[in-house]
PDB file of N, CA and C in Angstrom:
ATOM      1  N   MET A   1      32.438  53.813 123.553  1.00  0.00           N
ATOM      2  CA  MET A   1      33.764  52.863 124.145  1.00  0.00           C
ATOM      3  C   MET A   1      33.127  52.161 124.725  1.00  0.00           C
ATOM      4  N   ASN A   2      33.692  50.643 123.871  1.00  0.00           N
ATOM      5  CA  ASN A   2      33.423  49.608 125.238  1.00  0.00           C
ATOM      6  C   ASN A   2      33.837  49.158 126.306  1.00  0.00           C
ATOM      7  N   GLN A   3      33.416  48.478 127.515  1.00  0.00           N
ATOM      8  CA  GLN A   3      34.288  48.386 128.504  1.00  0.00           C
ATOM      9  C   GLN A   3      33.733  46.602 128.609  1.00  0.00           C
ATOM     10  N   PHE A   4      34.928  46.528 129.711  1.00  0.00           N
ATOM     11  CA  PHE A   4      34.152  44.653 130.164  1.00  0.00           C
ATOM     12  C   PHE A   4      34.047  44.961 130.959  1.00  0.00           C
ATOM     13  N   TRP A   5      32.910  44.018 131.501  1.00  0.00           N
ATOM     14  CA  TRP A   5      32.123  43.460 132.759  1.00  0.00           C
ATOM     15  C   TRP A   5      32.048  42.258 132.501  1.00  0.00           C
ATOM     16  N   THR A   6      31.872  41.601 134.036  1.00  0.00           N
ATOM     17  CA  THR A   6      32.321  40.511 134.835  1.00  0.00           C
ATOM     18  C   THR A   6      30.640  40.145 134.975  1.00  0.00           C
ATOM     19  N   VAL A   7      29.822  39.338 134.451  1.00  0.00           N
ATOM     20  CA  VAL A   7      28.436  39.138 134.371  1.00  0.00           C
ATOM     21  C   VAL A   7      28.217  37.418 135.334  1.00  0.00           C
ATOM     22  N   THR A   8      28.109  37.719 136.541  1.00  0.00           N
ATOM     23  CA  THR A   8      27.899  36.109 136.968  1.00  0.00           C
ATOM     24  C   THR A   8      26.220  35.801 136.758  1.00  0.00           C
ATOM     25  N   VAL A   9      26.312  34.099 136.528  1.00  0.00           N
ATOM     26  CA  VAL A   9      25.200  33.399 136.012  1.00  0.00           C
ATOM     27  C   VAL A   9      25.499  31.987 136.653  1.00  0.00           C
ATOM     28  N   GLN A  10      24.069  32.203 137.362  1.00  0.00           N
ATOM     29  CA  GLN A  10      23.446  30.770 138.488  1.00  0.00           C
ATOM     30  C   GLN A  10      22.901  29.659 137.773  1.00  0.00           C
ATOM     31  N   LEU A  11      23.281  28.938 137.415  1.00  0.00           N
ATOM     32  CA  LEU A  11      22.867  27.458 136.602  1.00  0.00           C
ATOM     33  C   LEU A  11      22.679  26.325 137.276  1.00  0.00           C
ATOM     34  N   GLU A  12      21.799  25.768 137.114  1.00  0.00           N
ATOM     35  CA  GLU A  12      21.190  24.500 137.720  1.00  0.00           C
ATOM     36  C   GLU A  12      21.273  23.270 136.707  1.00  0.00           C
ATOM     37  N   ILE A  13      22.279  22.588 136.963  1.00  0.00           N
ATOM     38  CA  ILE A  13      23.045  21.296 136.583  1.00  0.00           C
ATOM     39  C   ILE A  13      22.823  19.876 137.246  1.00  0.00           C
ATOM     40  N   GLU A  14      22.571  19.182 136.391  1.00  0.00           N
ATOM     41  CA  GLU A  14      21.959  17.754 137.147  1.00  0.00           C
ATOM     42  C   GLU A  14      23.641  16.876 136.779  1.00  0.00           C
ATOM     43  N   ASN A  15      24.012  16.468 138.183  1.00  0.00           N
ATOM     44  CA  ASN A  15      25.259  15.955 138.648  1.00  0.00           C
ATOM     45  C   ASN A  15      24.810  14.565 137.523  1.00  0.00           C
ATOM     46  N   ASP A  16      26.335  13.550 138.161  1.00  0.00           N
ATOM     47  CA  ASP A  16      26.434  12.414 137.799  1.00  0.00           C
ATOM     48  C   ASP A  16      25.619  11.362 138.653  1.00  0.00           C
ATOM     49  N   ARG A  17      24.787  11.997 139.982  1.00  0.00           N
ATOM     50  CA  ARG A  17      24.225  10.810 140.774  1.00  0.00           C
ATOM     51  C   ARG A  17      22.633  11.710 140.202  1.00  0.00           C
ATOM     52  N   GLY A  18      22.380  12.144 139.804  1.00  0.00           N
ATOM     53  CA  GLY A  18      20.898  12.848 139.389  1.00  0.00           C
ATOM     54  C   GLY A  18      20.260  13.724 139.935  1.00  0.00           C
ATOM     55  N   ARG A  19      21.222  14.449 140.738  1.00  0.00           N
ATOM     56  CA  ARG A  19      20.926  15.781 141.881  1.00  0.00           C
ATOM     57  C   ARG A  19      20.950  16.852 141.180  1.00  0.00           C
ATOM     58  N   VAL A  20      20.029  17.986 141.141  1.00  0.00           N
ATOM     59  CA  VAL A  20      20.335  19.124 140.542  1.00  0.00           C
ATOM     60  C   VAL A  20      21.301  20.167 141.411  1.00  0.00           C
ATOM     61  N   GLN A  21      22.108  20.813 140.966  1.00  0.00           N
ATOM     62  CA  GLN A  21      23.321  21.470 141.663  1.00  0.00           C
ATOM     63  C   GLN A  21      22.827  22.638 141.051  1.00  0.00           C
ATOM     64  N   LYS A  22      22.933  23.867 142.007  1.00  0.00           N
ATOM     65  CA  LYS A  22      23.630  25.336 141.501  1.00  0.00           C
ATOM     66  C   LYS A  22      24.909  25.539 141.625  1.00  0.00           C
ATOM     67  N   VAL A  23      24.975  26.336 140.335  1.00  0.00           N
ATOM     68  CA  VAL A  23      26.334  26.717 140.278  1.00  0.00           C
ATOM     69  C   VAL A  23      26.744  27.715 139.776  1.00  0.00           C
ATOM     70  N   LYS A  24      27.611  28.633 139.997  1.00  0.00           N
ATOM     71  CA  LYS A  24      27.832  29.984 139.822  1.00  0.00           C
ATOM     72  C   LYS A  24      29.081  29.968 138.740  1.00  0.00           C
ATOM     73  N   GLU A  25      29.079  30.920 137.806  1.00  0.00           N
ATOM     74  CA  GLU A  25      29.972  30.924 136.651  1.00  0.00           C
ATOM     75  C   GLU A  25      30.202  32.240 136.341  1.00  0.00           C
ATOM     76  N   ASN A  26      31.520  32.770 136.194  1.00  0.00           N
ATOM     77  CA  ASN A  26      31.781  34.343 135.574  1.00  0.00           C
ATOM     78  C   ASN A  26      32.165  34.583 134.305  1.00  0.00           C
ATOM     79  N   TYR A  27      31.501  35.248 134.221  1.00  0.00           N
ATOM     80  CA  TYR A  27      31.599  35.763 131.980  1.00  0.00           C
ATOM     81  C   TYR A  27      32.284  36.791 132.043  1.00  0.00           C
ATOM     82  N   LEU A  28      33.182  37.313 131.106  1.00  0.00           N
ATOM     83  CA  LEU A  28      33.805  38.855 130.699  1.00  0.00           C
ATOM     84  C   LEU A  28      33.076  39.161 129.351  1.00  0.00           C
ATOM     85  N   VAL A  29      32.627  40.027 129.255  1.00  0.00           N
ATOM     86  CA  VAL A  29      31.576  40.627 128.051  1.00  0.00           C
ATOM     87  C   VAL A  29      32.488  41.924 128.080  1.00  0.00           C
ATOM     88  N   ASP A  30      32.351  41.675 126.561  1.00  0.00           N
ATOM     89  CA  ASP A  30      32.707  43.269 125.938  1.00  0.00           C
ATOM     90  C   ASP A  30      31.486  43.832 125.996  1.00  0.00           C
ATOM     91  N   ALA A  31      31.399  44.717 126.383  1.00  0.00           N
ATOM     92  CA  ALA A  31      30.001  45.550 125.951  1.00  0.00           C
ATOM     93  C   ALA A  31      30.061  47.097 126.737  1.00  0.00           C
ATOM     94  N   VAL A  32      28.658  48.164 125.928  1.00  0.00           N
ATOM     95  CA  VAL A  32      28.814  49.565 126.485  1.00  0.00           C
ATOM     96  C   VAL A  32      28.598  49.603 127.539  1.00  0.00           C
ATOM     97  N   SER A  33      27.593  48.749 128.123  1.00  0.00           N
ATOM     98  CA  SER A  33      26.720  49.389 129.409  1.00  0.00           C
ATOM     99  C   SER A  33      26.715  47.900 130.445  1.00  0.00           C
ATOM    100  N   ALA A  34      26.040  48.234 131.567  1.00  0.00           N
ATOM    101  CA  ALA A  34      25.480  46.869 132.121  1.00  0.00           C
ATOM    102  C   ALA A  34      24.808  45.892 131.540  1.00  0.00           C
ATOM    103  N   THR A  35      23.757  46.686 130.867  1.00  0.00           N
ATOM    104  CA  THR A  35      22.379  46.280 130.564  1.00  0.00           C
ATOM    105  C   THR A  35      22.657  45.611 129.193  1.00  0.00           C
ATOM    106  N   ASP A  36      23.670  46.651 128.386  1.00  0.00           N
ATOM    107  CA  ASP A  36      23.913  45.498 126.976  1.00  0.00           C
ATOM    108  C   ASP A  36      24.801  43.911 127.556  1.00  0.00           C
ATOM    109  N   ALA A  37      25.466  44.104 128.500  1.00  0.00           N
ATOM    110  CA  ALA A  37      26.301  43.285 128.914  1.00  0.00           C
ATOM    111  C   ALA A  37      25.478  41.856 129.377  1.00  0.00           C
ATOM    112  N   GLU A  38      24.191  42.597 130.329  1.00  0.00           N
ATOM    113  CA  GLU A  38      23.300  41.110 130.373  1.00  0.00           C
ATOM    114  C   GLU A  38      22.595  40.600 129.546  1.00  0.00           C
ATOM    115  N   ALA A  39      22.278  41.976 128.266  1.00  0.00           N
ATOM    116  CA  ALA A  39      21.636  41.100 126.761  1.00  0.00           C
ATOM    117  C   ALA A  39      22.493  40.370 125.752  1.00  0.00           C
ATOM    118  N   LYS A  40      23.735  40.415 126.046  1.00  0.00           N
ATOM    119  CA  LYS A  40      24.662  39.314 125.555  1.00  0.00           C
ATOM    120  C   LYS A  40      24.446  37.920 126.044  1.00  0.00           C
ATOM    121  N   ILE A  41      24.605  38.038 127.372  1.00  0.00           N
ATOM    122  CA  ILE A  41      24.057  36.818 128.513  1.00  0.00           C
ATOM    123  C   ILE A  41      23.097  36.237 127.818  1.00  0.00           C
ATOM    124  N   TYR A  42      22.116  36.483 127.914  1.00  0.00           N
ATOM    125  CA  TYR A  42      20.904  36.547 127.587  1.00  0.00           C
ATOM    126  C   TYR A  42      20.178  35.342 125.782  1.00  0.00           C
ATOM    127  N   LYS A  43      21.513  36.529 125.416  1.00  0.00           N
ATOM    128  CA  LYS A  43      21.688  35.720 123.788  1.00  0.00           C
ATOM    129  C   LYS A  43      22.443  34.636 123.772  1.00  0.00           C
ATOM    130  N   GLU A  44      23.340  34.269 124.484  1.00  0.00           N
ATOM    131  CA  GLU A  44      24.166  33.741 124.356  1.00  0.00           C
ATOM    132  C   GLU A  44      23.684  32.013 125.240  1.00  0.00           C
ATOM    133  N   PHE A  45      22.741  32.315 126.171  1.00  0.00           N
ATOM    134  CA  PHE A  45      21.856  31.159 126.887  1.00  0.00           C
ATOM    135  C   PHE A  45      20.717  30.851 126.340  1.00  0.00           C
ATOM    136  N   THR A  46      20.649  31.295 125.043  1.00  0.00           N
ATOM    137  CA  THR A  46      19.145  31.020 124.117  1.00  0.00           C
ATOM    138  C   THR A  46      18.993  29.866 124.004  1.00  0.00           C
ATOM    139  N   GLY A  47      17.838  29.500 124.824  1.00  0.00           N
ATOM    140  CA  GLY A  47      17.053  28.161 124.588  1.00  0.00           C
ATOM    141  C   GLY A  47      17.294  27.464 126.118  1.00  0.00           C
ATOM    142  N   GLU A  48      18.175  28.269 126.882  1.00  0.00           N
ATOM    143  CA  GLU A  48      18.427  27.561 128.269  1.00  0.00           C
ATOM    144  C   GLU A  48      17.761  28.091 129.193  1.00  0.00           C
ATOM    145  N   SER A  49      16.997  27.109 129.855  1.00  0.00           N
ATOM    146  CA  SER A  49      15.784  27.790 131.147  1.00  0.00           C
ATOM    147  C   SER A  49      16.014  27.598 132.749  1.00  0.00           C
ATOM    148  N   ASN A  50      17.259  27.077 132.832  1.00  0.00           N
ATOM    149  CA  ASN A  50      17.622  26.752 134.103  1.00  0.00           C
ATOM    150  C   ASN A  50      19.080  27.653 134.434  1.00  0.00           C
ATOM    151  N   PHE A  51      18.905  29.034 134.334  1.00  0.00           N
ATOM    152  CA  PHE A  51      19.639  29.843 134.464  1.00  0.00           C
ATOM    153  C   PHE A  51      19.323  31.466 134.891  1.00  0.00           C
ATOM    154  N   SER A  52      19.843  32.039 135.685  1.00  0.00           N
ATOM    155  CA  SER A  52      19.916  33.307 136.058  1.00  0.00           C
ATOM    156  C   SER A  52      20.878  34.373 135.823  1.00  0.00           C
ATOM    157  N   VAL A  53      20.897  35.356 135.778  1.00  0.00           N
ATOM    158  CA  VAL A  53      22.089  36.279 135.751  1.00  0.00           C
ATOM    159  C   VAL A  53      21.649  37.068 137.727  1.00  0.00           C
ATOM    160  N   THR A  54      22.887  36.979 138.236  1.00  0.00           N
ATOM    161  CA  THR A  54      22.836  37.179 139.612  1.00  0.00           C
ATOM    162  C   THR A  54      23.508  38.245 139.810  1.00  0.00           C
ATOM    163  N   GLY A  55      24.494  39.231 138.661  1.00  0.00           N
ATOM    164  CA  GLY A  55      25.449  40.023 139.045  1.00  0.00           C
ATOM    165  C   GLY A  55      26.077  40.618 137.841  1.00  0.00           C
ATOM    166  N   VAL A  56      26.397  41.927 138.196  1.00  0.00           N
ATOM    167  CA  VAL A  56      27.057  42.569 136.809  1.00  0.00           C
ATOM    168  C   VAL A  56      27.804  44.148 137.328  1.00  0.00           C
ATOM    169  N   ASN A  57      29.008  43.734 136.999  1.00  0.00           N
ATOM    170  CA  ASN A  57      29.788  44.347 137.568  1.00  0.00           C
ATOM    171  C   ASN A  57      31.170  44.824 136.658  1.00  0.00           C
ATOM    172  N   LYS A  58      31.218  46.164 136.567  1.00  0.00           N
ATOM    173  CA  LYS A  58      32.507  46.653 135.645  1.00  0.00           C
ATOM    174  C   LYS A  58      33.471  46.035 135.653  1.00  0.00           C
ATOM    175  N   SER A  59      34.311  45.637 135.078  1.00  0.00           N
ATOM    176  CA  SER A  59      35.898  44.850 135.314  1.00  0.00           C
ATOM    177  C   SER A  59      36.740  45.992 135.449  1.00  0.00           C
ATOM    178  N   LYS A  60      37.802  46.057 136.088  1.00  0.00           N
ATOM    179  CA  LYS A  60      39.110  46.431 135.797  1.00  0.00           C
ATOM    180  C   LYS A  60      39.821  45.946 134.663  1.00  0.00           C
ATOM    181  N   ILE A  61      39.784  44.673 134.277  1.00  0.00           N
ATOM    182  CA  ILE A  61      40.228  44.825 132.858  1.00  0.00           C
ATOM    183  C   ILE A  61      40.374  45.930 131.708  1.00  0.00           C
ATOM    184  N   ILE A  62      41.562  46.164 131.406  1.00  0.00           N
ATOM    185  CA  ILE A  62      41.406  47.287 130.412  1.00  0.00           C
ATOM    186  C   ILE A  62      41.700  47.298 128.758  1.00  0.00           C
ATOM    187  N   LYS A  63      41.952  45.722 129.010  1.00  0.00           N
ATOM    188  CA  LYS A  63      42.060  45.251 127.324  1.00  0.00           C
ATOM    189  C   LYS A  63      42.793  44.076 127.246  1.00  0.00           C
ATOM    190  N   VAL A  64      42.174  42.885 126.281  1.00  0.00           N
ATOM    191  CA  VAL A  64      42.546  42.029 126.053  1.00  0.00           C
ATOM    192  C   VAL A  64      43.607  41.599 124.711  1.00  0.00           C
ATOM    193  N   ILE A  65      44.513  41.102 124.671  1.00  0.00           N
ATOM    194  CA  ILE A  65      45.501  41.113 123.888  1.00  0.00           C
ATOM    195  C   ILE A  65      45.587  39.489 123.272  1.00  0.00           C
ATOM    196  N   GLU A  66      44.927  39.437 122.369  1.00  0.00           N
ATOM    197  CA  GLU A  66      45.340  38.144 121.413  1.00  0.00           C
ATOM    198  C   GLU A  66      46.555  37.595 121.086  1.00  0.00           C
TER     199      GLU A  66
END
Protein backbone atom coordinates (compact mmCIF):
# COMPACT_ATOMS: atom_id res chain seq x y z
CA MET A 1 0.00 0.00 0.00
CA ASN A 2 1.38 3.36 -0.99
CA GLN A 3 1.70 6.22 1.46
CA PHE A 4 2.44 9.88 1.05
CA TRP A 5 5.88 11.24 1.93
CA THR A 6 7.05 14.83 2.28
CA VAL A 7 10.48 15.18 0.70
CA THR A 8 12.52 18.33 1.33
CA VAL A 9 14.89 19.30 -1.47
CA GLN A 10 17.55 22.00 -1.23
CA LEU A 11 18.28 23.73 -4.53
CA GLU A 12 20.92 26.25 -5.53
CA ILE A 13 19.42 28.77 -7.92
CA GLU A 14 20.81 31.94 -9.45
CA ASN A 15 18.72 35.04 -8.74
CA ASP A 16 18.25 38.00 -11.06
CA ARG A 17 21.39 39.67 -9.66
CA GLY A 18 23.56 36.68 -10.50
CA ARG A 19 23.94 35.50 -6.91
CA VAL A 20 23.50 31.84 -6.02
CA GLN A 21 20.85 31.25 -3.37
CA LYS A 22 19.92 28.11 -1.48
CA VAL A 23 16.18 27.43 -1.53
CA LYS A 24 14.27 24.61 0.16
CA GLU A 25 11.20 23.13 -1.51
CA ASN A 26 8.81 20.45 -0.24
CA TYR A 27 7.38 17.75 -2.49
CA LEU A 28 4.55 15.35 -1.72
CA VAL A 29 5.44 11.93 -3.10
CA ASP A 30 3.24 8.84 -3.38
CA ALA A 31 5.57 5.92 -2.56
CA VAL A 32 5.76 2.63 -0.67
CA SER A 33 8.74 3.67 1.51
CA ALA A 34 11.06 6.56 2.30
CA THR A 35 13.69 5.04 0.02
CA ASP A 36 11.19 4.80 -2.83
CA ALA A 37 10.14 8.44 -2.30
CA GLU A 38 13.76 9.59 -2.41
CA ALA A 39 14.39 7.55 -5.58
CA LYS A 40 11.38 9.18 -7.26
CA ILE A 41 12.77 12.64 -6.42
CA TYR A 42 16.16 11.75 -7.88
CA LYS A 43 14.40 10.52 -11.03
CA GLU A 44 12.41 13.78 -11.21
CA PHE A 45 15.61 15.85 -10.94
CA THR A 46 17.58 13.84 -13.54
CA GLY A 47 20.07 16.17 -15.23
CA GLU A 48 20.13 18.65 -12.34
CA SER A 49 23.34 18.87 -10.36
CA ASN A 50 22.49 21.64 -7.92
CA PHE A 51 20.10 19.86 -5.55
CA SER A 52 20.17 17.58 -2.54
CA VAL A 53 17.52 15.73 -0.57
CA THR A 54 17.62 17.01 3.00
CA GLY A 55 14.67 15.17 4.52
CA VAL A 56 12.02 12.49 3.99
CA ASN A 57 9.09 12.27 6.38
CA LYS A 58 5.86 10.30 6.36
CA SER A 59 2.96 12.65 5.66
CA LYS A 60 -0.26 12.71 7.65
CA ILE A 61 -2.16 13.01 4.37
CA ILE A 62 -4.06 9.78 3.76
CA LYS A 63 -5.75 10.48 0.44
CA VAL A 64 -5.65 12.98 -2.40
CA ILE A 65 -8.99 13.49 -4.11
CA GLU A 66 -8.89 14.85 -7.64
